[in-house]
Amino acid sequence: MKTGIIGLPQVGKTSLFRILTKAHLSAQAHANPREAHIGVAKVPDDRLDRLAALYNPKKLTHTSVEYVDVGAIGQDALKETAYIGHLRQHAQHASQLAPQHAR
């Protein structure tokens, strides 16, 4: 499953991305706020582990979720055609979008 995190500037998209994926973004990653970050989070499931202990399968695969931290959607960014294409590309491949907004 692939989830795109979208929203206005300065609402916590990258913070949420780092919490979910346990990613450590470099200073270079913060240099371009419109660049998308991609990370994967494994989803542990105790029920699956208990079933695996009972039946000893040859292979055990836990669910994983791919998160895409799409750059901020601001008025200036929406005027740029290249950014619109970039945003559309990531949104089309996402199974779902998680909008972030200020509280």
Foldseek 3Di string as FASTA:
>chain_A
DEEEEAEAPPQCLVVVVCVQQVDDDDPVVVPDQQDKDKGKHFDDDVVQVVVCVVPVDPDGDTDMYMYIHGGHDDPVLVVDPVSVVVVVVRVVPGPYYHYGDHD
